[in-house]
């Protein structure tokens, strides 16, 4: 899930924490997005698996999605 820190009047970090605390949702991967670098430290505390800074570069977005969703292959 891609989740912005600011979701309307709500806080995406609190939504992430609530989502991850639900039974069966612990393994859901959440990548938080923020325009402010100072938000990075709080992102992990709320249960996010990774973060992106705005403006989001497409190559970085794709790389992070692949990292979290594709199984690791060792040859």
Protein backbone atom coordinates (compact mmCIF):
# COMPACT_ATOMS: atom_id res chain seq x y z
CA UNK A 1 0.00 0.00 0.00
CA UNK A 2 1.23 3.47 -0.83
CA UNK A 3 0.08 5.86 1.88
CA UNK A 4 0.66 9.59 2.17
CA UNK A 5 1.33 10.96 5.63
CA UNK A 6 -1.43 13.51 5.09
CA UNK A 7 -4.74 11.91 4.15
CA UNK A 8 -7.23 14.77 4.10
CA UNK A 9 -7.57 15.90 7.71
CA UNK A 10 -6.26 12.56 9.00
CA UNK A 11 -2.75 11.35 9.76
CA UNK A 12 -1.58 8.52 7.49
CA UNK A 13 0.85 7.34 10.19
CA UNK A 14 -2.03 6.66 12.57
CA UNK A 15 -3.97 4.90 9.80
CA UNK A 16 -0.89 2.74 9.09
CA UNK A 17 -0.57 1.84 12.78
CA UNK A 18 -4.27 0.96 12.99
CA UNK A 19 -4.11 -1.11 9.82
CA UNK A 20 -1.00 -3.06 10.88
CA UNK A 21 -2.53 -3.83 14.28
CA UNK A 22 -5.52 -5.61 12.71
CA UNK A 23 -5.41 -9.37 12.67
CA UNK A 24 -4.31 -10.67 9.30
CA UNK A 25 -2.92 -7.30 8.17
CA UNK A 26 0.50 -7.52 9.90
CA UNK A 27 2.16 -8.76 6.71
CA UNK A 28 0.69 -6.01 4.52
CA UNK A 29 3.50 -3.84 3.18
CA UNK A 30 3.08 -0.09 3.61
CA UNK A 31 5.28 2.50 1.91
CA UNK A 32 4.66 5.96 3.35
CA UNK A 33 5.07 9.09 1.24
CA UNK A 34 5.96 12.52 2.60
CA UNK A 35 7.14 15.83 1.30
CA UNK A 36 9.05 16.49 4.52
CA UNK A 37 12.27 14.71 5.44
CA UNK A 38 11.66 15.28 9.17
CA UNK A 39 8.71 12.83 8.98
CA UNK A 40 10.99 9.90 8.13
CA UNK A 41 11.89 9.08 11.75
CA UNK A 42 8.27 8.66 12.82
CA UNK A 43 7.29 6.53 9.84
CA UNK A 44 8.91 3.30 11.11
CA UNK A 45 7.51 3.84 14.60
CA UNK A 46 3.99 3.73 13.16
CA UNK A 47 4.70 0.42 11.39
CA UNK A 48 5.49 1.49 7.83
CA UNK A 49 7.90 -0.76 5.97
CA UNK A 50 9.54 1.96 3.90
CA UNK A 51 9.21 5.58 2.81
CA UNK A 52 9.50 7.84 -0.21
CA UNK A 53 10.10 11.57 -0.30
CA UNK A 54 8.13 13.78 -2.64
CA UNK A 55 8.54 14.39 -5.46
CA UNK A 56 8.54 10.64 -6.01
CA UNK A 57 10.84 9.37 -8.73
CA UNK A 58 9.20 6.56 -10.73
CA UNK A 59 12.35 4.38 -10.75
CA UNK A 60 12.66 4.59 -6.96
CA UNK A 61 8.97 3.80 -6.51
CA UNK A 62 9.19 0.73 -8.74
CA UNK A 63 12.37 -0.40 -7.00
CA UNK A 64 10.79 -0.20 -3.54
CA UNK A 65 7.65 -2.01 -4.65
CA UNK A 66 9.71 -4.80 -6.19
CA UNK A 67 11.86 -5.05 -3.05
CA UNK A 68 8.85 -5.49 -0.75
CA UNK A 69 6.61 -7.60 -2.94
CA UNK A 70 8.77 -9.90 -5.02
CA UNK A 71 10.23 -13.00 -3.42
CA UNK A 72 13.98 -13.06 -2.95
CA UNK A 73 15.69 -15.33 -5.47
CA UNK A 74 19.12 -16.70 -4.67
CA UNK A 75 20.94 -18.42 -7.53
